[in-house]
Amino acid sequence: MTWGELAERLRWIPVAERLPVQGQYVLVAGGIALQRDGVWFSAMEGVPYRPIQWTVTHWQPLPSAPKPLLTPTDKEESNDR
């Protein structure tokens, strides 16, 4: 991945530019949210789908989950194959 691709992936996207796919969880200032029909809902505090009480101006896709770390035993087994 180039620095330009990384910068594009990490940038905050203005809602005036585009909205995320409806129902897609994204990062907004204040937490994780999703947007449906122009209404933003919080996915924080264990109570999903609570309407957000502030104006969302920017969003960012959630990062991918981390890959599991290999233990020394896992590494040995993968080398045996």
C-alpha atoms as a PDB file:
ATOM      1  CA  MET A   1       0.000   0.000   0.000  1.00  0.00           C
ATOM      2  CA  THR A   2       1.342   3.419  -0.904  1.00  0.00           C
ATOM      3  CA  TRP A   3       1.351   6.439   1.437  1.00  0.00           C
ATOM      4  CA  GLY A   4      -1.320   8.039  -0.733  1.00  0.00           C
ATOM      5  CA  GLU A   5      -3.572   4.967  -0.435  1.00  0.00           C
ATOM      6  CA  LEU A   6      -3.034   4.879   3.317  1.00  0.00           C
ATOM      7  CA  ALA A   7      -3.821   8.583   3.649  1.00  0.00           C
ATOM      8  CA  GLU A   8      -7.027   8.096   1.636  1.00  0.00           C
ATOM      9  CA  ARG A   9      -8.071   5.142   3.775  1.00  0.00           C
ATOM     10  CA  LEU A  10      -7.487   7.059   7.035  1.00  0.00           C
ATOM     11  CA  ARG A  11      -9.063  10.358   6.087  1.00  0.00           C
ATOM     12  CA  TRP A  12     -12.320  11.609   7.562  1.00  0.00           C
ATOM     13  CA  ILE A  13     -14.992  11.744   4.871  1.00  0.00           C
ATOM     14  CA  PRO A  14     -17.329  14.761   4.958  1.00  0.00           C
ATOM     15  CA  VAL A  15     -21.009  13.781   4.877  1.00  0.00           C
ATOM     16  CA  ALA A  16     -21.447  16.506   2.248  1.00  0.00           C
ATOM     17  CA  GLU A  17     -19.094  14.481   0.002  1.00  0.00           C
ATOM     18  CA  ARG A  18     -20.785  11.102   0.513  1.00  0.00           C
ATOM     19  CA  LEU A  19     -22.551   8.992   3.091  1.00  0.00           C
ATOM     20  CA  PRO A  20     -21.618   5.463   4.087  1.00  0.00           C
ATOM     21  CA  VAL A  21     -23.660   2.542   2.826  1.00  0.00           C
ATOM     22  CA  GLN A  22     -26.919   2.478   4.791  1.00  0.00           C
ATOM     23  CA  GLY A  23     -26.622   0.212   7.828  1.00  0.00           C
ATOM     24  CA  GLN A  24     -22.799   0.096   7.669  1.00  0.00           C
ATOM     25  CA  TYR A  25     -21.146   0.705  11.042  1.00  0.00           C
ATOM     26  CA  VAL A  26     -18.679   3.587  10.822  1.00  0.00           C
ATOM     27  CA  LEU A  27     -16.605   5.768  13.101  1.00  0.00           C
ATOM     28  CA  VAL A  28     -17.923   9.268  13.845  1.00  0.00           C
ATOM     29  CA  ALA A  29     -16.788  11.873  16.353  1.00  0.00           C
ATOM     30  CA  GLY A  30     -18.144  10.447  19.574  1.00  0.00           C
ATOM     31  CA  GLY A  31     -18.146   6.757  18.734  1.00  0.00           C
ATOM     32  CA  ILE A  32     -19.475   4.141  16.354  1.00  0.00           C
ATOM     33  CA  ALA A  33     -22.661   4.787  14.438  1.00  0.00           C
ATOM     34  CA  LEU A  34     -24.731   3.819  11.445  1.00  0.00           C
ATOM     35  CA  GLN A  35     -26.876   5.907   9.126  1.00  0.00           C
ATOM     36  CA  ARG A  36     -30.296   5.057   7.707  1.00  0.00           C
ATOM     37  CA  ASP A  37     -32.356   7.409   5.567  1.00  0.00           C
ATOM     38  CA  GLY A  38     -30.338  10.416   6.706  1.00  0.00           C
ATOM     39  CA  VAL A  39     -30.691   9.668  10.437  1.00  0.00           C
ATOM     40  CA  TRP A  40     -27.594   8.701  12.414  1.00  0.00           C
ATOM     41  CA  PHE A  41     -27.876   6.104  15.177  1.00  0.00           C
ATOM     42  CA  SER A  42     -25.401   5.338  17.940  1.00  0.00           C
ATOM     43  CA  ALA A  43     -24.009   1.841  18.284  1.00  0.00           C
ATOM     44  CA  MET A  44     -22.297   2.635  21.589  1.00  0.00           C
ATOM     45  CA  GLU A  45     -23.123   2.047  25.243  1.00  0.00           C
ATOM     46  CA  GLY A  46     -24.729  -1.311  24.512  1.00  0.00           C
ATOM     47  CA  VAL A  47     -27.881   0.373  23.174  1.00  0.00           C
ATOM     48  CA  PRO A  48     -27.781   0.294  19.378  1.00  0.00           C
ATOM     49  CA  TYR A  49     -30.085   2.388  17.263  1.00  0.00           C
ATOM     50  CA  ARG A  50     -30.387   5.332  19.629  1.00  0.00           C
ATOM     51  CA  PRO A  51     -30.602   8.501  17.468  1.00  0.00           C
ATOM     52  CA  ILE A  52     -27.484  10.650  17.769  1.00  0.00           C
ATOM     53  CA  GLN A  53     -28.184  14.022  19.371  1.00  0.00           C
ATOM     54  CA  TRP A  54     -25.470  15.951  17.520  1.00  0.00           C
ATOM     55  CA  THR A  55     -24.761  16.772  13.887  1.00  0.00           C
ATOM     56  CA  VAL A  56     -22.465  14.258  12.225  1.00  0.00           C
ATOM     57  CA  THR A  57     -20.181  16.127   9.830  1.00  0.00           C
ATOM     58  CA  HIS A  58     -17.555  13.469   9.008  1.00  0.00           C
ATOM     59  CA  TRP A  59     -17.219   9.697   9.157  1.00  0.00           C
ATOM     60  CA  GLN A  60     -14.598   7.012   8.619  1.00  0.00           C
ATOM     61  CA  PRO A  61     -14.879   3.276   7.836  1.00  0.00           C
ATOM     62  CA  LEU A  62     -14.091   0.990  10.743  1.00  0.00           C
ATOM     63  CA  PRO A  63     -10.676  -0.647  10.514  1.00  0.00           C
ATOM     64  CA  SER A  64     -10.358  -4.354   9.812  1.00  0.00           C
ATOM     65  CA  ALA A  65     -10.108  -6.643  12.817  1.00  0.00           C
ATOM     66  CA  PRO A  66      -6.542  -7.540  13.766  1.00  0.00           C
ATOM     67  CA  LYS A  67      -5.133 -10.832  12.591  1.00  0.00           C
ATOM     68  CA  PRO A  68      -4.407 -13.303  15.400  1.00  0.00           C
ATOM     69  CA  LEU A  69      -0.801 -13.456  16.500  1.00  0.00           C
ATOM     70  CA  LEU A  70       0.998 -16.732  15.904  1.00  0.00           C
ATOM     71  CA  THR A  71       2.335 -18.405  19.011  1.00  0.00           C
ATOM     72  CA  PRO A  72       5.752 -20.090  18.847  1.00  0.00           C
ATOM     73  CA  THR A  73       3.935 -23.467  18.588  1.00  0.00           C
ATOM     74  CA  ASP A  74       1.821 -22.193  15.649  1.00  0.00           C
ATOM     75  CA  LYS A  75       4.966 -20.986  13.883  1.00  0.00           C
ATOM     76  CA  GLU A  76       6.655 -24.374  14.301  1.00  0.00           C
ATOM     77  CA  GLU A  77       3.604 -26.206  12.966  1.00  0.00           C
ATOM     78  CA  SER A  78       3.365 -23.925   9.919  1.00  0.00           C
ATOM     79  CA  ASN A  79       7.071 -24.512   9.175  1.00  0.00           C
ATOM     80  CA  ASP A  80       6.524 -28.295   9.313  1.00  0.00           C
ATOM     81  CA  ARG A  81       3.974 -28.118   6.470  1.00  0.00           C
END
